[in-house]
Amino acid sequence: MSVIKTSTGCSRTSKTTTINITCKIEDDANAPATVYPNPSSKDFEIILNSEASIEILNVAGQVVKRFDITSNNISFGSELQPGLYFAKISYSNGAVETLKLVKE
């Protein structure tokens, strides 16, 4: 929680959200995943090297889509509103990778 004190002495409380982003995974045979086109006005395509589960999160950290992937790729995104999203990819070996997605 964050408390903001106004000039009149009153206070307001707002909720805060923490998002952890992994920008690079080293020495992992499953990484990196590839996403294109990015930015996109239609669908995104994510190419993977192995099975994984993917969560698409908005900037508030809320999960807006969830996929379990057994093939090497997935196409999605036409239903997303314009904005910034994150694809959290959890591989079967426990590794996690996060990609930034820009929807136009």
C-alpha atoms as a PDB file:
ATOM      1  CA  MET A   1       0.000   0.000   0.000  1.00  0.00           C
ATOM      2  CA  SER A   2       1.122   3.518  -0.710  1.00  0.00           C
ATOM      3  CA  VAL A   3      -0.064   6.524   1.283  1.00  0.00           C
ATOM      4  CA  ILE A   4      -0.138   9.968  -0.304  1.00  0.00           C
ATOM      5  CA  LYS A   5      -0.499  13.040   1.912  1.00  0.00           C
ATOM      6  CA  THR A   6      -2.199  16.038   0.268  1.00  0.00           C
ATOM      7  CA  SER A   7      -1.450  19.722   0.886  1.00  0.00           C
ATOM      8  CA  THR A   8      -4.540  19.954   3.132  1.00  0.00           C
ATOM      9  CA  GLY A   9      -3.231  17.226   5.443  1.00  0.00           C
ATOM     10  CA  CYS A  10      -5.595  14.541   4.196  1.00  0.00           C
ATOM     11  CA  SER A  11      -4.255  11.194   3.004  1.00  0.00           C
ATOM     12  CA  ARG A  12      -5.165   8.698   0.313  1.00  0.00           C
ATOM     13  CA  THR A  13      -4.161   5.056   0.069  1.00  0.00           C
ATOM     14  CA  SER A  14      -3.546   3.293  -3.215  1.00  0.00           C
ATOM     15  CA  LYS A  15      -2.766  -0.345  -3.999  1.00  0.00           C
ATOM     16  CA  THR A  16       0.637  -1.160  -5.513  1.00  0.00           C
ATOM     17  CA  THR A  17       1.552  -4.089  -7.747  1.00  0.00           C
ATOM     18  CA  THR A  18       5.044  -5.526  -8.185  1.00  0.00           C
ATOM     19  CA  ILE A  19       6.007  -7.190 -11.478  1.00  0.00           C
ATOM     20  CA  ASN A  20       9.312  -9.087 -11.752  1.00  0.00           C
ATOM     21  CA  ILE A  21      10.705  -9.345 -15.267  1.00  0.00           C
ATOM     22  CA  THR A  22      13.501 -11.654 -16.385  1.00  0.00           C
ATOM     23  CA  CYS A  23      15.166 -10.064 -19.375  1.00  0.00           C
ATOM     24  CA  LYS A  24      17.639 -12.825 -20.218  1.00  0.00           C
ATOM     25  CA  ILE A  25      18.189 -16.448 -19.303  1.00  0.00           C
ATOM     26  CA  GLU A  26      21.730 -17.731 -19.781  1.00  0.00           C
ATOM     27  CA  ASP A  27      22.797 -21.352 -20.284  1.00  0.00           C
ATOM     28  CA  ASP A  28      19.247 -22.587 -20.836  1.00  0.00           C
ATOM     29  CA  ALA A  29      18.608 -24.763 -23.874  1.00  0.00           C
ATOM     30  CA  ASN A  30      14.908 -23.798 -23.859  1.00  0.00           C
ATOM     31  CA  ALA A  31      15.458 -20.059 -24.096  1.00  0.00           C
ATOM     32  CA  PRO A  32      14.936 -17.709 -25.655  1.00  0.00           C
ATOM     33  CA  ALA A  33      11.499 -17.898 -27.113  1.00  0.00           C
ATOM     34  CA  THR A  34      10.872 -15.775 -30.182  1.00  0.00           C
ATOM     35  CA  VAL A  35       7.875 -13.471 -30.637  1.00  0.00           C
ATOM     36  CA  TYR A  36       6.840 -11.701 -33.835  1.00  0.00           C
ATOM     37  CA  PRO A  37       5.572  -9.342 -35.024  1.00  0.00           C
ATOM     38  CA  ASN A  38       6.214  -7.113 -32.048  1.00  0.00           C
ATOM     39  CA  PRO A  39       4.633  -4.595 -31.927  1.00  0.00           C
ATOM     40  CA  SER A  40       1.521  -6.060 -33.540  1.00  0.00           C
ATOM     41  CA  SER A  41      -1.895  -4.728 -34.498  1.00  0.00           C
ATOM     42  CA  LYS A  42      -3.269  -8.270 -34.985  1.00  0.00           C
ATOM     43  CA  ASP A  43      -1.860 -11.600 -33.734  1.00  0.00           C
ATOM     44  CA  PHE A  44       1.457 -12.412 -32.053  1.00  0.00           C
ATOM     45  CA  GLU A  45       3.277 -15.648 -32.817  1.00  0.00           C
ATOM     46  CA  ILE A  46       5.486 -17.168 -30.104  1.00  0.00           C
ATOM     47  CA  ILE A  47       7.987 -19.845 -31.165  1.00  0.00           C
ATOM     48  CA  LEU A  48       9.282 -22.176 -28.424  1.00  0.00           C
ATOM     49  CA  ASN A  49      11.922 -24.907 -28.249  1.00  0.00           C
ATOM     50  CA  SER A  50       9.976 -27.138 -25.835  1.00  0.00           C
ATOM     51  CA  GLU A  51       6.719 -27.621 -23.947  1.00  0.00           C
ATOM     52  CA  ALA A  52       5.698 -24.722 -21.737  1.00  0.00           C
ATOM     53  CA  SER A  53       2.805 -22.893 -20.174  1.00  0.00           C
ATOM     54  CA  ILE A  54       2.284 -19.237 -21.067  1.00  0.00           C
ATOM     55  CA  GLU A  55       0.462 -16.541 -19.113  1.00  0.00           C
ATOM     56  CA  ILE A  56      -0.302 -13.212 -20.781  1.00  0.00           C
ATOM     57  CA  LEU A  57      -0.345 -10.439 -18.177  1.00  0.00           C
ATOM     58  CA  ASN A  58      -1.435  -6.824 -18.464  1.00  0.00           C
ATOM     59  CA  VAL A  59       0.596  -3.985 -16.896  1.00  0.00           C
ATOM     60  CA  ALA A  60      -1.332  -4.413 -13.621  1.00  0.00           C
ATOM     61  CA  GLY A  61      -0.049  -8.002 -13.395  1.00  0.00           C
ATOM     62  CA  GLN A  62      -3.453  -9.561 -14.086  1.00  0.00           C
ATOM     63  CA  VAL A  63      -3.534 -12.758 -16.176  1.00  0.00           C
ATOM     64  CA  VAL A  64      -5.634 -12.070 -19.289  1.00  0.00           C
ATOM     65  CA  LYS A  65      -4.856 -15.308 -21.226  1.00  0.00           C
ATOM     66  CA  ARG A  66      -3.354 -18.697 -20.335  1.00  0.00           C
ATOM     67  CA  PHE A  67      -2.021 -21.439 -22.642  1.00  0.00           C
ATOM     68  CA  ASP A  68      -0.414 -24.872 -22.231  1.00  0.00           C
ATOM     69  CA  ILE A  69       1.820 -25.412 -25.257  1.00  0.00           C
ATOM     70  CA  THR A  70       2.831 -28.869 -26.488  1.00  0.00           C
ATOM     71  CA  SER A  71       3.760 -27.778 -30.018  1.00  0.00           C
ATOM     72  CA  ASN A  72       6.512 -25.342 -31.008  1.00  0.00           C
ATOM     73  CA  ASN A  73       4.377 -22.263 -31.561  1.00  0.00           C
ATOM     74  CA  ILE A  74       1.184 -20.423 -30.706  1.00  0.00           C
ATOM     75  CA  SER A  75      -0.667 -17.584 -32.378  1.00  0.00           C
ATOM     76  CA  PHE A  76      -2.893 -15.252 -30.329  1.00  0.00           C
ATOM     77  CA  GLY A  77      -3.637 -11.617 -29.593  1.00  0.00           C
ATOM     78  CA  SER A  78      -6.289 -10.360 -32.013  1.00  0.00           C
ATOM     79  CA  GLU A  79      -8.709 -10.045 -29.064  1.00  0.00           C
ATOM     80  CA  LEU A  80      -6.287  -7.975 -26.929  1.00  0.00           C
ATOM     81  CA  GLN A  81      -6.855  -4.251 -26.528  1.00  0.00           C
ATOM     82  CA  PRO A  82      -3.981  -1.917 -27.516  1.00  0.00           C
ATOM     83  CA  GLY A  83      -1.374  -1.616 -24.771  1.00  0.00           C
ATOM     84  CA  LEU A  84       1.606  -3.255 -23.106  1.00  0.00           C
ATOM     85  CA  TYR A  85       1.530  -6.939 -22.082  1.00  0.00           C
ATOM     86  CA  PHE A  86       3.978  -9.525 -20.770  1.00  0.00           C
ATOM     87  CA  ALA A  87       4.212 -13.185 -21.812  1.00  0.00           C
ATOM     88  CA  LYS A  88       5.424 -15.232 -18.830  1.00  0.00           C
ATOM     89  CA  ILE A  89       6.719 -18.535 -20.212  1.00  0.00           C
ATOM     90  CA  SER A  90       7.204 -21.386 -17.712  1.00  0.00           C
ATOM     91  CA  TYR A  91       9.143 -24.311 -19.186  1.00  0.00           C
ATOM     92  CA  SER A  92       8.720 -27.909 -18.037  1.00  0.00           C
ATOM     93  CA  ASN A  93      12.287 -27.870 -16.586  1.00  0.00           C
ATOM     94  CA  GLY A  94      11.355 -25.020 -14.201  1.00  0.00           C
ATOM     95  CA  ALA A  95      12.960 -22.157 -16.163  1.00  0.00           C
ATOM     96  CA  VAL A  96      10.879 -19.004 -16.581  1.00  0.00           C
ATOM     97  CA  GLU A  97      11.194 -16.368 -19.291  1.00  0.00           C
ATOM     98  CA  THR A  98       9.233 -13.129 -19.706  1.00  0.00           C
ATOM     99  CA  LEU A  99       8.713 -11.326 -23.017  1.00  0.00           C
ATOM    100  CA  LYS A 100       7.336  -7.816 -23.488  1.00  0.00           C
ATOM    101  CA  LEU A 101       4.495  -7.542 -26.037  1.00  0.00           C
ATOM    102  CA  VAL A 102       3.218  -4.293 -27.537  1.00  0.00           C
ATOM    103  CA  LYS A 103      -0.302  -4.387 -28.985  1.00  0.00           C
ATOM    104  CA  GLU A 104      -1.071  -1.494 -31.337  1.00  0.00           C
END
